[in-house]
Protein backbone atom coordinates (compact mmCIF):
# COMPACT_ATOMS: atom_id res chain seq x y z
CA MET A 1 201.57 58.76 186.07
CA ALA A 2 200.82 62.18 184.59
CA ILE A 3 201.50 65.15 186.86
CA ASP A 4 199.24 68.19 186.58
CA PHE A 5 200.62 71.49 185.31
CA ASP A 6 201.23 74.49 187.54
CA PRO A 7 198.41 77.02 186.96
CA HIS A 8 200.40 79.89 188.48
CA PRO A 9 199.25 83.18 186.90
CA ASP A 10 202.84 84.25 186.16
CA PHE A 11 203.11 81.41 183.63
CA LYS A 12 199.82 81.81 181.79
CA SER A 13 201.17 84.18 179.14
CA PHE A 14 204.22 81.99 178.41
CA ALA A 15 204.26 80.14 175.09
CA HIS A 16 204.63 76.80 176.91
CA PRO A 17 203.57 77.29 180.54
CA GLN A 18 203.65 73.55 181.20
CA ARG A 19 207.47 73.73 181.34
CA PHE A 20 207.50 75.89 184.48
CA VAL A 21 206.71 75.22 188.13
CA SER A 22 206.67 77.46 191.17
CA ALA A 23 208.11 76.67 194.58
CA ALA A 24 204.59 76.55 196.05
CA TRP A 25 203.39 74.05 193.45
CA LEU A 26 206.42 71.82 193.93
CA SER A 27 206.31 71.98 197.71
CA SER A 28 202.74 70.71 197.77
CA ARG A 29 203.57 67.75 195.50
CA LEU A 30 206.82 66.41 196.92
CA GLY A 31 206.62 62.64 197.23
CA THR A 32 203.96 62.30 194.52
CA PRO A 33 204.49 59.07 192.55
CA GLY A 34 205.88 59.87 189.13
CA LEU A 35 207.53 63.14 190.22
CA LYS A 36 211.31 63.37 190.54
CA VAL A 37 213.30 66.44 191.54
CA VAL A 38 216.87 67.06 190.36
CA GLU A 39 219.34 69.62 191.71
CA SER A 40 222.12 70.72 189.35
CA ASP A 41 224.46 73.41 190.65
CA GLU A 42 227.62 75.26 189.74
CA ASP A 43 228.70 75.05 193.39
CA LEU A 44 228.67 71.32 194.12
CA LEU A 45 228.80 71.83 197.89
CA LEU A 46 225.34 73.37 198.06
CA TYR A 47 223.47 70.07 197.76
CA ASN A 48 225.28 68.74 200.82
CA ILE A 49 224.27 71.65 203.05
CA GLY A 50 220.58 71.29 202.32
CA HIS A 51 218.40 70.50 199.32
CA ILE A 52 214.76 70.03 198.42
CA PRO A 53 213.56 66.88 200.23
CA GLY A 54 213.80 63.88 197.92
CA ALA A 55 215.91 65.66 195.31
CA VAL A 56 218.78 63.82 193.67
CA ARG A 57 221.94 65.56 192.49
CA ILE A 58 223.16 65.50 188.90
CA ASP A 59 226.60 67.00 188.37
CA TRP A 60 226.57 68.78 185.02
CA HIS A 61 230.31 68.17 184.62
CA SER A 62 230.97 64.62 185.79
CA ASP A 63 227.55 63.04 185.17
CA LEU A 64 226.58 64.52 181.81
CA ASN A 65 229.93 64.79 180.03
CA ASP A 66 232.16 62.07 178.62
CA GLN A 67 235.51 62.88 180.20
CA VAL A 68 237.49 61.44 177.27
CA THR A 69 235.69 62.74 174.19
CA ARG A 70 234.77 66.13 175.69
CA ASP A 71 231.21 65.58 174.50
CA PHE A 72 228.00 64.62 176.22
CA ILE A 73 227.43 61.07 177.36
CA ASP A 74 225.74 58.68 174.94
CA GLY A 75 222.36 57.00 175.19
CA GLN A 76 223.60 54.04 177.21
CA ALA A 77 225.36 56.24 179.76
CA PHE A 78 222.33 58.51 180.08
CA ALA A 79 220.06 55.51 180.62
CA ASP A 80 222.47 54.18 183.26
CA LEU A 81 222.46 57.56 185.01
CA MET A 82 218.65 57.71 185.03
CA ARG A 83 218.42 54.15 186.35
CA GLU A 84 220.93 54.95 189.11
CA LYS A 85 218.99 58.08 190.11
CA GLY A 86 215.68 56.24 190.17
CA ILE A 87 214.20 58.20 187.25
CA SER A 88 211.93 56.44 184.77
CA ARG A 89 211.07 57.58 181.27
CA GLU A 90 207.49 58.25 182.39
CA ASP A 91 208.47 60.48 185.32
CA THR A 92 207.90 64.22 185.42
CA VAL A 93 211.33 65.67 186.21
CA VAL A 94 211.63 69.10 187.85
CA ILE A 95 215.13 70.59 187.76
CA TYR A 96 216.50 73.46 189.83
CA GLY A 97 219.87 74.85 190.88
CA ASP A 98 221.97 77.80 191.94
CA LYS A 99 223.19 80.77 189.87
CA SER A 100 219.67 81.62 188.71
CA ASN A 101 219.17 78.13 187.30
CA ARG A 102 221.74 78.38 184.53
CA TRP A 103 223.22 74.92 185.18
CA ALA A 104 219.76 73.56 185.88
CA ALA A 105 218.70 74.82 182.44
CA TYR A 106 221.82 73.21 180.96
CA THR A 107 220.88 69.89 182.58
CA LEU A 108 217.30 70.26 181.36
CA TRP A 109 218.61 70.91 177.84
CA VAL A 110 220.60 67.66 178.00
CA PHE A 111 217.45 65.82 179.12
CA GLU A 112 215.80 67.19 176.01
CA LEU A 113 218.68 65.99 173.83
CA PHE A 114 217.59 62.52 174.92
CA GLY A 115 213.92 63.35 174.39
CA HIS A 116 212.74 62.94 177.98
CA PRO A 117 208.99 63.59 177.60
CA ASP A 118 208.25 65.77 180.64
CA VAL A 119 210.99 67.91 182.13
CA ARG A 120 210.31 71.25 183.84
CA LEU A 121 212.22 74.09 185.49
CA LEU A 122 211.59 75.46 188.97
CA ASP A 123 211.19 79.20 188.43
CA GLY A 124 213.80 80.97 190.54
CA GLY A 125 215.64 77.75 191.28
CA ARG A 126 217.42 77.20 194.56
CA ASP A 127 217.19 80.92 195.35
CA ALA A 128 213.39 80.80 195.20
CA TRP A 129 213.16 77.73 197.42
CA MET A 130 215.56 79.03 200.05
CA GLY A 131 214.19 82.56 199.88
CA GLU A 132 210.74 81.27 200.82
CA GLU A 133 212.28 79.29 203.70
CA ARG A 134 210.82 76.03 202.51
CA ASP A 135 211.81 72.65 203.92
CA THR A 136 215.25 71.28 203.13
CA SER A 137 216.92 67.96 203.81
CA PHE A 138 220.43 66.56 204.23
CA ALA A 139 219.31 63.03 203.35
CA VAL A 140 220.48 61.63 200.02
CA PRO A 141 217.60 59.55 198.65
CA ASP A 142 218.23 55.99 197.49
CA TYR A 143 215.51 55.22 194.97
CA PRO A 144 215.04 51.79 193.43
CA ALA A 145 216.77 51.44 190.08
CA THR A 146 214.50 51.88 187.08
CA ASN A 147 214.48 50.33 183.63
CA TYR A 148 215.03 53.59 181.76
CA PRO A 149 215.42 52.71 178.07
CA VAL A 150 218.45 53.49 175.95
CA VAL A 151 217.53 56.43 173.72
CA GLU A 152 220.22 57.84 171.48
CA ARG A 153 220.94 61.52 171.76
CA ASN A 154 219.40 63.73 169.07
CA ASP A 155 221.58 66.80 168.54
CA ALA A 156 220.08 68.02 165.29
CA ASP A 157 217.20 70.14 166.56
CA LEU A 158 218.76 71.62 169.69
CA ARG A 159 222.51 71.84 169.17
CA VAL A 160 224.97 73.62 166.87
CA PHE A 161 228.60 72.69 166.15
CA VAL A 162 231.45 75.02 165.32
CA ASP A 163 231.74 74.02 161.65
CA GLU A 164 228.16 75.07 160.96
CA ILE A 165 228.66 78.50 162.52
CA ARG A 166 231.95 79.07 160.72
CA ALA A 167 230.39 78.14 157.39
CA ALA A 168 227.44 80.42 158.04
CA LEU A 169 229.59 83.51 158.60
CA THR A 170 229.75 84.11 154.86
CA ALA A 171 226.21 83.14 153.84
CA ASP A 172 222.86 82.21 155.36
CA ALA A 173 224.03 83.34 158.79
CA PRO A 174 221.63 82.53 161.62
CA GLN A 175 220.46 85.08 164.16
CA LEU A 176 223.44 84.76 166.50
CA ILE A 177 223.18 85.91 170.14
CA ASP A 178 226.10 86.13 172.57
CA VAL A 179 224.50 85.95 176.02
CA ARG A 180 227.64 86.69 178.08
CA ALA A 181 228.36 89.82 180.05
CA GLU A 182 229.10 92.87 177.90
CA THR A 183 232.73 92.92 179.04
CA ASP A 184 233.23 89.33 177.82
CA TYR A 185 231.57 90.17 174.52
CA ALA A 186 233.75 93.24 174.06
CA GLY A 187 236.91 91.24 174.75
CA ASP A 188 237.84 93.00 177.97
CA THR A 189 237.27 89.95 180.21
CA VAL A 190 236.58 86.23 179.94
CA GLY A 191 234.44 84.15 182.29
CA GLU A 192 232.67 87.04 184.02
CA GLY A 193 230.33 85.54 186.62
CA TYR A 194 231.98 82.11 187.05
CA GLU A 195 233.27 82.80 190.54
CA SER A 196 232.92 79.29 191.95
CA ILE A 197 234.19 77.22 189.00
CA GLU A 198 237.86 76.69 189.66
CA ASP A 199 238.51 75.13 186.27
CA ALA A 200 236.61 77.69 184.19
CA PRO A 201 238.50 77.78 180.90
CA THR A 202 240.70 80.61 179.79
CA THR A 203 240.90 81.44 176.11
CA MET A 204 243.79 82.38 173.89
CA ARG A 205 241.81 85.32 172.51
CA ASN A 206 238.87 87.29 173.80
CA GLY A 207 236.00 88.92 171.96
CA HIS A 208 232.96 87.57 170.13
CA ILE A 209 231.93 85.77 166.97
CA PRO A 210 231.55 88.27 164.11
CA GLY A 211 227.91 89.14 163.54
CA ALA A 212 226.77 88.14 167.02
CA VAL A 213 224.68 90.58 169.03
CA ASN A 214 225.07 90.83 172.78
CA ILE A 215 222.01 90.29 174.98
CA PRO A 216 223.19 89.16 178.45
CA TRP A 217 221.22 86.17 179.71
CA GLY A 218 220.37 87.84 183.02
CA ASP A 219 218.35 90.57 181.31
CA ALA A 220 215.37 88.18 181.29
CA LEU A 221 215.44 87.72 185.07
CA HIS A 222 214.45 89.58 188.19
CA ALA A 223 217.08 90.04 190.90
CA ASN A 224 215.51 87.10 192.79
CA ALA A 225 216.30 84.77 189.83
CA ARG A 226 212.68 84.45 188.66
CA PHE A 227 211.72 85.10 185.06
CA ARG A 228 210.34 88.48 184.13
CA THR A 229 206.95 88.71 182.44
CA ARG A 230 206.62 87.68 178.82
CA GLU A 231 206.10 91.32 177.84
CA GLU A 232 209.28 92.43 179.62
CA ILE A 233 211.31 89.63 178.05
CA ALA A 234 209.89 90.37 174.59
CA ALA A 235 211.05 93.98 175.03
CA VAL A 236 214.58 92.77 175.80
CA TYR A 237 214.64 90.88 172.49
CA GLU A 238 212.78 93.47 170.46
CA GLY A 239 214.15 93.71 166.94
CA LEU A 240 214.96 90.02 166.66
CA ASP A 241 212.78 87.68 164.61
CA PRO A 242 211.33 84.62 166.45
CA ALA A 243 210.60 82.98 163.08
CA VAL A 244 214.19 82.76 161.81
CA PRO A 245 216.87 80.28 162.93
CA THR A 246 218.53 81.50 166.12
CA VAL A 247 221.81 80.32 167.68
CA LEU A 248 222.97 81.12 171.22
CA TYR A 249 226.36 80.87 172.86
CA CYS A 250 228.20 81.94 176.02
CA LEU A 251 231.43 80.61 177.56
CA LEU A 252 230.52 77.04 178.51
CA GLY A 253 226.98 76.57 177.17
CA ASP A 254 225.13 77.02 180.46
CA GLN A 255 224.01 80.64 180.15
CA SER A 256 223.03 80.02 176.54
CA ALA A 257 221.06 76.92 177.57
CA HIS A 258 219.12 79.12 179.98
CA THR A 259 218.41 81.62 177.20
CA TRP A 260 217.46 78.75 174.87
CA PHE A 261 214.88 77.61 177.43
CA MET A 262 213.50 81.11 177.81
CA LEU A 263 213.29 81.87 174.07
CA LYS A 264 211.70 78.51 173.28
CA TYR A 265 209.26 78.16 176.15
CA ILE A 266 208.43 81.76 177.07
CA LEU A 267 208.64 83.61 173.76
CA GLY A 268 207.88 80.63 171.53
CA TYR A 269 210.87 80.76 169.18
CA GLY A 270 210.38 77.90 166.73
CA ASN A 271 213.99 77.28 165.69
CA VAL A 272 216.49 78.04 168.43
CA ARG A 273 219.65 76.04 169.15
CA ASN A 274 222.54 76.15 171.58
CA TYR A 275 226.19 76.28 170.51
CA ASP A 276 227.45 74.56 173.65
CA GLY A 277 231.09 74.62 172.54
CA SER A 278 230.69 78.37 172.96
CA TRP A 279 233.59 80.72 173.54
CA ALA A 280 235.67 78.07 175.33
CA GLU A 281 235.95 76.38 171.93
CA TRP A 282 235.85 79.34 169.54
CA GLY A 283 238.35 81.47 171.45
CA ASN A 284 240.94 78.67 171.54
CA MET A 285 240.80 77.53 167.91
CA VAL A 286 243.45 78.52 165.40
CA ARG A 287 242.61 81.16 162.79
CA MET A 288 239.07 81.75 163.95
CA PRO A 289 237.56 85.13 163.03
CA ILE A 290 237.03 87.24 166.14
CA ALA A 291 235.47 90.66 166.64
CA GLN A 292 235.94 92.98 169.60
CA GLY A 293 234.15 96.01 170.93
CA VAL A 294 230.44 96.51 171.61
CA ASP A 295 227.70 96.46 169.00
CA GLN A 296 224.07 97.19 169.73
CA HIS A 297 221.39 94.66 168.90
CA PRO A 298 218.47 95.75 166.69
CA GLY A 299 216.17 96.51 169.61
CA LYS A 300 218.44 99.09 171.24
């Protein structure tokens, strides 16, 4: 069944407000038929110490990635996962998580690769829910299996591969945004902000893709993990063109998935894609062009 949209005033100016929900809206609708809640965290222990009642856990690493091919799961595996979690194709899925929702946004992005019709993000994520002292549960729900159909993944509109970026460095380059911390972009560090991922990749070389501008993903957020206003976010990206093809990357694809969600659904960028191989791939490949130091983006 169709689930109503959240009319929260903070979302009204967003390009696609139907993709956002507040903690208050979600709290009042828990248990509604056709609504499923998914938690996707960097810290996998958090779900076990309390989660939104009725929420299922999806592990971005073990559930969404093929452990042999180092790619996302295929349509059959995604359908099997949805059936196991009790999610049907008709369900409205609300996703939330820790670390200001960056892995939740990554999980949402994967849902969109498979064209799930109605998937939304809880503004502020786990921080918002816990900060408002809303109900939590230790119970792991056991929903009846569904008949989720097999839908093959569609990478073309949402995803970029390394060969395309490398080819574009000499001609027809997209608007390329590195959303990592400035120290990662400059080449001074790698993996800034991945404190709880023990297997966060190291790279043979540090720096950034030539031509990329650095706009850290957290610039669009308040300290409490909620999105800033559309006007504030537009100011962060001033000087960039929403009408031209835009490519985002970070270290693992999570921070850039969050920025993808924000550019697409708050600012209304029409052609924005995520290079999920990101620096973990680029920084470890042989003979890849790499730049170091700090450049300013056009709006600064």
